[in-house]
């Protein structure tokens, strides 16, 4: 395994020193900490222990810096799974605004009828929340007793 030596320029040192504590993304802060630690003379193993990651992870961070610089290190290319319902989002949103539903089960039935995709109650609830719908709890309005 080839050893990756890190020598940061003055500008990069300033950026890394700042972003290892103040970057809004925790992953980027961790990557900057590994990069800074190796730059200051720690080994990959020591830098990984300081940052709380594995040695192989620290090695991947350093390889990302070597290949793409600081922008390559900042990149976080992880995307979660995409629901099949997202391709039907506009039609579902339009339909549910025209025809409000009372329950998630009713919404799931309408969505299945529209798209042919059957989803559980929790998946339907999460999807509708991502579309901007809010679940509102309805209760009976108290009525004063009849006077005799």
N, C-alpha and C. Protein backbone atom coordinates (compact mmCIF):
# COMPACT_ATOMS: atom_id res chain seq x y z
N UNK A 1 0.84 -1.17 0.00
CA UNK A 1 0.00 0.00 0.00
C UNK A 1 0.89 1.24 0.00
N UNK A 2 0.65 2.12 -0.94
CA UNK A 2 1.48 3.31 -1.08
C UNK A 2 1.13 4.32 0.01
N UNK A 3 2.13 4.96 0.51
CA UNK A 3 1.92 5.97 1.54
C UNK A 3 1.56 7.28 0.86
N UNK A 4 0.55 7.93 1.37
CA UNK A 4 0.12 9.21 0.82
C UNK A 4 0.65 10.31 1.72
N UNK A 5 1.56 11.11 1.20
CA UNK A 5 2.06 12.23 2.00
C UNK A 5 1.23 13.46 1.66
N UNK A 6 0.94 14.24 2.67
CA UNK A 6 0.09 15.41 2.50
C UNK A 6 0.88 16.66 2.86
N UNK A 7 0.97 17.56 1.89
CA UNK A 7 1.58 18.87 2.13
C UNK A 7 0.60 19.91 1.63
N UNK A 8 -0.04 20.60 2.55
CA UNK A 8 -1.04 21.61 2.19
C UNK A 8 -0.37 22.95 1.92
N UNK A 9 -0.92 23.69 0.96
CA UNK A 9 -0.45 25.05 0.72
C UNK A 9 -0.95 25.94 1.84
N UNK A 10 -0.46 27.17 1.91
CA UNK A 10 -0.89 28.10 2.96
C UNK A 10 -2.39 28.36 2.88
N UNK A 11 -2.92 28.54 1.68
CA UNK A 11 -4.35 28.78 1.50
C UNK A 11 -5.15 27.56 1.95
N UNK A 12 -4.70 26.36 1.54
CA UNK A 12 -5.38 25.13 1.95
C UNK A 12 -5.32 24.94 3.46
N UNK A 13 -4.21 25.28 4.07
CA UNK A 13 -4.10 25.17 5.52
C UNK A 13 -5.13 26.05 6.21
N UNK A 14 -5.31 27.26 5.71
CA UNK A 14 -6.30 28.17 6.29
C UNK A 14 -7.70 27.61 6.16
N UNK A 15 -8.02 27.10 4.96
CA UNK A 15 -9.35 26.56 4.71
C UNK A 15 -9.61 25.33 5.58
N UNK A 16 -8.65 24.41 5.61
CA UNK A 16 -8.83 23.17 6.38
C UNK A 16 -8.92 23.48 7.86
N UNK A 17 -8.07 24.39 8.36
CA UNK A 17 -8.10 24.74 9.78
C UNK A 17 -9.46 25.32 10.16
N UNK A 18 -10.07 26.07 9.28
CA UNK A 18 -11.38 26.66 9.55
C UNK A 18 -12.49 25.62 9.43
N UNK A 19 -12.49 24.84 8.34
CA UNK A 19 -13.60 23.92 8.07
C UNK A 19 -13.61 22.69 8.96
N UNK A 20 -12.50 22.36 9.58
CA UNK A 20 -12.53 21.16 10.43
C UNK A 20 -13.36 21.37 11.68
N UNK A 21 -13.69 22.62 12.00
CA UNK A 21 -14.55 22.91 13.15
C UNK A 21 -15.86 23.59 12.75
N UNK A 22 -15.88 24.31 11.61
CA UNK A 22 -17.04 25.14 11.33
C UNK A 22 -17.86 24.72 10.12
N UNK A 23 -17.47 23.70 9.39
CA UNK A 23 -18.26 23.29 8.23
C UNK A 23 -19.60 22.73 8.72
N UNK A 24 -20.71 23.05 8.04
CA UNK A 24 -22.03 22.60 8.52
C UNK A 24 -22.24 21.09 8.45
N UNK A 25 -21.49 20.38 7.63
CA UNK A 25 -21.67 18.94 7.49
C UNK A 25 -20.65 18.19 8.35
N UNK A 26 -21.13 17.32 9.21
CA UNK A 26 -20.27 16.56 10.12
C UNK A 26 -19.26 15.71 9.35
N UNK A 27 -19.67 15.10 8.24
CA UNK A 27 -18.76 14.25 7.48
C UNK A 27 -17.58 15.06 6.93
N UNK A 28 -17.86 16.25 6.45
CA UNK A 28 -16.79 17.08 5.90
C UNK A 28 -15.86 17.52 7.02
N UNK A 29 -16.41 17.86 8.19
CA UNK A 29 -15.55 18.23 9.33
C UNK A 29 -14.63 17.08 9.69
N UNK A 30 -15.16 15.85 9.68
CA UNK A 30 -14.36 14.68 10.01
C UNK A 30 -13.25 14.48 8.97
N UNK A 31 -13.59 14.66 7.70
CA UNK A 31 -12.60 14.51 6.63
C UNK A 31 -11.50 15.56 6.78
N UNK A 32 -11.89 16.79 7.08
CA UNK A 32 -10.90 17.86 7.24
C UNK A 32 -9.99 17.59 8.45
N UNK A 33 -10.56 17.01 9.49
CA UNK A 33 -9.76 16.68 10.67
C UNK A 33 -8.72 15.62 10.34
N UNK A 34 -9.11 14.62 9.57
CA UNK A 34 -8.15 13.59 9.15
C UNK A 34 -7.06 14.22 8.30
N UNK A 35 -7.45 15.05 7.35
CA UNK A 35 -6.48 15.70 6.47
C UNK A 35 -5.51 16.58 7.28
N UNK A 36 -6.05 17.34 8.21
CA UNK A 36 -5.21 18.22 9.04
C UNK A 36 -4.25 17.40 9.90
N UNK A 37 -4.76 16.31 10.47
CA UNK A 37 -3.93 15.48 11.34
C UNK A 37 -2.75 14.87 10.58
N UNK A 38 -3.01 14.39 9.37
CA UNK A 38 -1.94 13.80 8.56
C UNK A 38 -0.97 14.89 8.12
N UNK A 39 -1.50 16.07 7.81
CA UNK A 39 -0.63 17.19 7.42
C UNK A 39 0.32 17.57 8.55
N UNK A 40 -0.16 17.50 9.79
CA UNK A 40 0.68 17.90 10.93
C UNK A 40 1.64 16.81 11.36
N UNK A 41 1.61 15.64 10.70
CA UNK A 41 2.62 14.64 10.98
C UNK A 41 2.14 13.35 11.61
N UNK A 42 0.85 13.24 11.88
CA UNK A 42 0.34 11.98 12.44
C UNK A 42 0.26 10.93 11.34
N UNK A 43 0.30 9.68 11.74
CA UNK A 43 0.13 8.60 10.78
C UNK A 43 -1.35 8.46 10.45
N UNK A 44 -1.64 7.66 9.41
CA UNK A 44 -3.04 7.44 9.05
C UNK A 44 -3.80 6.80 10.20
N UNK A 45 -3.17 5.85 10.88
CA UNK A 45 -3.82 5.18 11.99
C UNK A 45 -4.11 6.16 13.13
N UNK A 46 -3.13 6.99 13.48
CA UNK A 46 -3.34 7.98 14.53
C UNK A 46 -4.41 8.99 14.14
N UNK A 47 -4.37 9.44 12.88
CA UNK A 47 -5.38 10.41 12.41
C UNK A 47 -6.77 9.81 12.44
N UNK A 48 -6.87 8.52 12.10
CA UNK A 48 -8.19 7.87 12.12
C UNK A 48 -8.72 7.76 13.55
N UNK A 49 -7.83 7.49 14.50
CA UNK A 49 -8.26 7.42 15.90
C UNK A 49 -8.70 8.78 16.41
N UNK A 50 -7.99 9.84 16.01
CA UNK A 50 -8.35 11.20 16.43
C UNK A 50 -9.74 11.56 15.89
N UNK A 51 -10.01 11.20 14.64
CA UNK A 51 -11.28 11.56 14.00
C UNK A 51 -12.40 10.58 14.33
N UNK A 52 -12.06 9.43 14.90
CA UNK A 52 -13.08 8.46 15.25
C UNK A 52 -13.57 7.64 14.06
N UNK A 53 -12.70 7.41 13.09
CA UNK A 53 -13.04 6.58 11.93
C UNK A 53 -12.01 5.46 11.82
N UNK A 54 -12.26 4.52 10.94
CA UNK A 54 -11.31 3.44 10.72
C UNK A 54 -10.13 3.89 9.86
N UNK A 55 -9.07 3.11 9.89
CA UNK A 55 -7.89 3.44 9.11
C UNK A 55 -8.19 3.45 7.62
N UNK A 56 -8.98 2.49 7.16
CA UNK A 56 -9.32 2.43 5.73
C UNK A 56 -10.15 3.64 5.32
N UNK A 57 -11.01 4.10 6.20
CA UNK A 57 -11.81 5.29 5.92
C UNK A 57 -10.91 6.51 5.81
N UNK A 58 -9.96 6.64 6.73
CA UNK A 58 -9.01 7.75 6.66
C UNK A 58 -8.23 7.68 5.36
N UNK A 59 -7.85 6.49 4.94
CA UNK A 59 -7.13 6.32 3.67
C UNK A 59 -7.99 6.78 2.50
N UNK A 60 -9.30 6.44 2.52
CA UNK A 60 -10.19 6.89 1.44
C UNK A 60 -10.31 8.40 1.42
N UNK A 61 -10.37 9.03 2.60
CA UNK A 61 -10.43 10.50 2.67
C UNK A 61 -9.18 11.11 2.04
N UNK A 62 -8.03 10.56 2.36
CA UNK A 62 -6.78 11.10 1.82
C UNK A 62 -6.69 10.87 0.31
N UNK A 63 -7.19 9.72 -0.16
CA UNK A 63 -7.20 9.46 -1.60
C UNK A 63 -8.15 10.42 -2.31
N UNK A 64 -9.27 10.75 -1.66
CA UNK A 64 -10.21 11.71 -2.26
C UNK A 64 -9.56 13.09 -2.37
N UNK A 65 -8.78 13.46 -1.36
CA UNK A 65 -8.06 14.74 -1.43
C UNK A 65 -7.00 14.69 -2.53
N UNK A 66 -6.27 13.60 -2.61
CA UNK A 66 -5.22 13.47 -3.63
C UNK A 66 -5.81 13.55 -5.03
N UNK A 67 -6.98 12.93 -5.24
CA UNK A 67 -7.58 12.90 -6.57
C UNK A 67 -8.35 14.16 -6.93
N UNK A 68 -8.98 14.81 -5.93
CA UNK A 68 -9.84 15.95 -6.27
C UNK A 68 -9.60 17.20 -5.47
N UNK A 69 -8.57 17.23 -4.65
CA UNK A 69 -8.31 18.41 -3.84
C UNK A 69 -9.36 18.58 -2.76
N UNK A 70 -9.51 19.81 -2.26
CA UNK A 70 -10.48 20.07 -1.19
C UNK A 70 -11.91 19.87 -1.68
N UNK A 71 -12.19 20.20 -2.94
CA UNK A 71 -13.54 19.97 -3.46
C UNK A 71 -13.85 18.48 -3.53
N UNK A 72 -12.87 17.67 -3.87
CA UNK A 72 -13.07 16.23 -3.88
C UNK A 72 -13.29 15.68 -2.49
N UNK A 73 -12.66 16.29 -1.52
CA UNK A 73 -12.83 15.87 -0.13
C UNK A 73 -14.20 16.28 0.40
N UNK A 74 -14.70 17.42 -0.04
CA UNK A 74 -16.01 17.90 0.42
C UNK A 74 -17.17 17.12 -0.21
N UNK A 75 -16.93 16.48 -1.33
CA UNK A 75 -18.02 15.79 -2.04
C UNK A 75 -18.56 14.66 -1.18
N UNK A 76 -19.85 14.59 -1.12
CA UNK A 76 -20.53 13.54 -0.37
C UNK A 76 -21.56 12.95 -1.30
N UNK A 77 -21.15 11.95 -2.06
CA UNK A 77 -21.98 11.42 -3.13
C UNK A 77 -22.97 10.36 -2.70
N UNK A 78 -23.45 10.39 -1.49
CA UNK A 78 -24.38 9.38 -1.03
C UNK A 78 -25.80 9.88 -1.27
N UNK A 79 -26.57 9.11 -1.99
CA UNK A 79 -27.97 9.43 -2.22
C UNK A 79 -28.78 8.23 -1.75
N UNK A 80 -29.82 8.52 -1.01
CA UNK A 80 -30.66 7.45 -0.52
C UNK A 80 -31.53 6.88 -1.61
N UNK A 81 -32.30 5.87 -1.29
CA UNK A 81 -33.18 5.27 -2.28
C UNK A 81 -34.28 6.26 -2.69
N UNK A 82 -34.68 6.19 -3.94
CA UNK A 82 -35.71 7.08 -4.46
C UNK A 82 -36.97 6.26 -4.67
N UNK A 83 -38.07 6.75 -4.15
CA UNK A 83 -39.34 6.05 -4.25
C UNK A 83 -39.86 6.07 -5.68
N UNK A 84 -40.53 5.00 -6.08
CA UNK A 84 -41.17 4.95 -7.39
C UNK A 84 -42.30 5.97 -7.48
N UNK A 85 -42.82 6.38 -6.32
CA UNK A 85 -43.92 7.34 -6.31
C UNK A 85 -43.50 8.74 -6.73
N UNK A 86 -42.20 9.03 -6.68
CA UNK A 86 -41.77 10.39 -7.00
C UNK A 86 -42.06 10.75 -8.46
N UNK A 87 -42.08 9.78 -9.34
CA UNK A 87 -42.41 10.10 -10.74
C UNK A 87 -43.89 10.47 -10.89
N UNK A 88 -44.71 10.12 -9.92
CA UNK A 88 -46.15 10.42 -9.95
C UNK A 88 -46.51 11.54 -8.97
N UNK A 89 -45.53 12.21 -8.41
CA UNK A 89 -45.77 13.17 -7.33
C UNK A 89 -46.72 14.28 -7.72
N UNK A 90 -46.56 14.85 -8.91
CA UNK A 90 -47.43 15.96 -9.32
C UNK A 90 -48.88 15.52 -9.45
N UNK A 91 -49.11 14.36 -10.04
CA UNK A 91 -50.48 13.86 -10.22
C UNK A 91 -51.12 13.56 -8.86
N UNK A 92 -50.34 12.97 -7.96
CA UNK A 92 -50.86 12.63 -6.63
C UNK A 92 -51.20 13.90 -5.86
N UNK A 93 -50.31 14.88 -5.91
CA UNK A 93 -50.52 16.13 -5.18
C UNK A 93 -51.76 16.86 -5.71
N UNK A 94 -51.89 16.93 -7.02
CA UNK A 94 -53.06 17.59 -7.62
C UNK A 94 -54.34 16.88 -7.23
N UNK A 95 -54.34 15.56 -7.32
CA UNK A 95 -55.54 14.79 -7.00
C UNK A 95 -55.93 14.96 -5.53
N UNK A 96 -54.95 14.88 -4.63
CA UNK A 96 -55.27 14.97 -3.21
C UNK A 96 -55.67 16.38 -2.79
N UNK A 97 -55.23 17.39 -3.52
CA UNK A 97 -55.69 18.76 -3.22
C UNK A 97 -57.13 18.95 -3.67
N UNK A 98 -57.51 18.31 -4.77
CA UNK A 98 -58.88 18.41 -5.26
C UNK A 98 -59.83 17.53 -4.45
N UNK A 99 -59.33 16.39 -4.01
CA UNK A 99 -60.15 15.43 -3.26
C UNK A 99 -59.47 15.11 -1.94
N UNK A 100 -59.68 15.94 -0.91
CA UNK A 100 -59.01 15.67 0.37
C UNK A 100 -59.45 14.33 0.97
N UNK A 101 -58.55 13.71 1.70
CA UNK A 101 -58.83 12.42 2.33
C UNK A 101 -58.85 12.60 3.84
N UNK A 102 -59.49 11.65 4.50
CA UNK A 102 -59.59 11.73 5.96
C UNK A 102 -58.56 10.87 6.67
N UNK A 103 -58.11 9.81 6.01
CA UNK A 103 -57.17 8.90 6.65
C UNK A 103 -56.03 8.57 5.70
N UNK A 104 -54.96 8.07 6.27
CA UNK A 104 -53.83 7.63 5.46
C UNK A 104 -54.22 6.41 4.64
N UNK A 105 -55.06 5.54 5.19
CA UNK A 105 -55.51 4.36 4.45
C UNK A 105 -56.28 4.79 3.20
N UNK A 106 -57.08 5.81 3.33
CA UNK A 106 -57.83 6.31 2.18
C UNK A 106 -56.88 6.92 1.14
N UNK A 107 -55.86 7.64 1.62
CA UNK A 107 -54.87 8.22 0.71
C UNK A 107 -54.10 7.11 0.00
N UNK A 108 -53.73 6.06 0.72
CA UNK A 108 -53.01 4.94 0.11
C UNK A 108 -53.85 4.26 -0.96
N UNK A 109 -55.16 4.14 -0.71
CA UNK A 109 -56.05 3.53 -1.69
C UNK A 109 -56.14 4.40 -2.95
N UNK A 110 -56.24 5.71 -2.78
CA UNK A 110 -56.29 6.62 -3.93
C UNK A 110 -54.98 6.57 -4.72
N UNK A 111 -53.88 6.53 -4.01
CA UNK A 111 -52.57 6.47 -4.68
C UNK A 111 -52.43 5.17 -5.46
N UNK A 112 -52.88 4.08 -4.88
CA UNK A 112 -52.81 2.80 -5.58
C UNK A 112 -53.68 2.81 -6.83
N UNK A 113 -54.87 3.42 -6.73
CA UNK A 113 -55.76 3.50 -7.88
C UNK A 113 -55.15 4.38 -8.97
N UNK A 114 -54.48 5.47 -8.58
CA UNK A 114 -53.89 6.39 -9.55
C UNK A 114 -52.66 5.81 -10.24
N UNK A 115 -51.77 5.19 -9.45
CA UNK A 115 -50.45 4.80 -9.96
C UNK A 115 -50.27 3.30 -10.15
N UNK A 116 -51.08 2.52 -9.47
CA UNK A 116 -50.88 1.07 -9.52
C UNK A 116 -49.82 0.60 -8.54
N UNK A 117 -49.28 1.52 -7.74
CA UNK A 117 -48.25 1.17 -6.75
C UNK A 117 -48.88 1.09 -5.37
N UNK A 118 -48.75 -0.06 -4.73
CA UNK A 118 -49.31 -0.26 -3.40
C UNK A 118 -48.24 0.00 -2.36
N UNK A 119 -48.53 0.86 -1.40
CA UNK A 119 -47.60 1.19 -0.33
C UNK A 119 -48.31 1.06 1.02
N UNK A 120 -47.52 0.79 2.04
CA UNK A 120 -48.06 0.68 3.39
C UNK A 120 -48.41 2.05 3.95
N UNK A 121 -49.02 2.04 5.12
CA UNK A 121 -49.47 3.29 5.73
C UNK A 121 -48.30 4.21 6.08
N UNK A 122 -47.24 3.65 6.64
CA UNK A 122 -46.09 4.47 7.04
C UNK A 122 -45.41 5.06 5.81
N UNK A 123 -45.22 4.26 4.77
CA UNK A 123 -44.60 4.77 3.54
C UNK A 123 -45.45 5.85 2.91
N UNK A 124 -46.78 5.67 2.93
CA UNK A 124 -47.68 6.68 2.38
C UNK A 124 -47.60 7.96 3.18
N UNK A 125 -47.57 7.82 4.49
CA UNK A 125 -47.50 9.00 5.37
C UNK A 125 -46.21 9.78 5.14
N UNK A 126 -45.09 9.10 5.03
CA UNK A 126 -43.80 9.76 4.79
C UNK A 126 -43.79 10.42 3.41
N UNK A 127 -44.34 9.74 2.41
CA UNK A 127 -44.37 10.32 1.07
C UNK A 127 -45.23 11.57 1.03
N UNK A 128 -46.40 11.52 1.65
CA UNK A 128 -47.28 12.70 1.66
C UNK A 128 -46.65 13.86 2.42
N UNK A 129 -45.91 13.56 3.46
CA UNK A 129 -45.21 14.61 4.19
C UNK A 129 -44.14 15.25 3.30
N UNK A 130 -43.46 14.44 2.49
CA UNK A 130 -42.45 15.00 1.58
C UNK A 130 -43.08 15.87 0.50
N UNK A 131 -44.36 15.65 0.20
CA UNK A 131 -45.07 16.48 -0.78
C UNK A 131 -45.58 17.78 -0.16
N UNK A 132 -45.49 17.89 1.16
CA UNK A 132 -45.91 19.12 1.82
C UNK A 132 -47.25 19.00 2.54
N UNK A 133 -47.86 17.83 2.51
CA UNK A 133 -49.11 17.64 3.23
C UNK A 133 -48.84 17.50 4.71
N UNK A 134 -49.76 18.03 5.51
CA UNK A 134 -49.63 17.91 6.96
C UNK A 134 -50.85 17.19 7.50
N UNK A 135 -50.60 16.30 8.41
CA UNK A 135 -51.69 15.57 9.03
C UNK A 135 -52.26 16.43 10.14
N UNK A 136 -53.57 16.65 10.10
CA UNK A 136 -54.21 17.46 11.12
C UNK A 136 -55.19 16.59 11.88
N UNK A 137 -55.05 16.63 13.15
CA UNK A 137 -55.92 15.83 13.99
C UNK A 137 -57.26 16.55 14.13
N UNK A 138 -58.32 15.84 13.92
CA UNK A 138 -59.64 16.45 14.07
C UNK A 138 -60.30 15.88 15.31
N UNK A 139 -61.00 16.73 15.98
CA UNK A 139 -61.71 16.32 17.20
C UNK A 139 -63.11 16.90 17.17
N UNK A 140 -63.94 16.36 17.99
CA UNK A 140 -65.30 16.87 18.10
C UNK A 140 -65.28 18.24 18.76
N UNK A 141 -66.15 19.11 18.27
CA UNK A 141 -66.26 20.44 18.87
C UNK A 141 -67.20 20.31 20.05
N UNK A 142 -66.74 20.75 21.23
CA UNK A 142 -67.64 20.62 22.40
C UNK A 142 -68.86 21.53 22.27
N UNK A 143 -69.98 20.97 22.57
CA UNK A 143 -71.24 21.70 22.51
C UNK A 143 -71.77 21.81 23.93
N UNK A 144 -72.22 23.01 24.32
CA UNK A 144 -72.74 23.13 25.69
C UNK A 144 -74.04 22.31 25.82
N UNK A 145 -74.28 21.82 27.02
CA UNK A 145 -75.50 21.01 27.21
C UNK A 145 -76.76 21.85 26.98
N UNK A 146 -77.82 21.15 26.56
CA UNK A 146 -79.09 21.85 26.35
C UNK A 146 -79.65 22.29 27.67
N UNK A 147 -80.14 23.50 27.69
CA UNK A 147 -80.73 23.98 28.94
C UNK A 147 -82.22 23.58 28.94
N UNK A 148 -82.77 23.25 30.11
CA UNK A 148 -84.16 22.77 30.20
C UNK A 148 -85.05 23.82 30.67
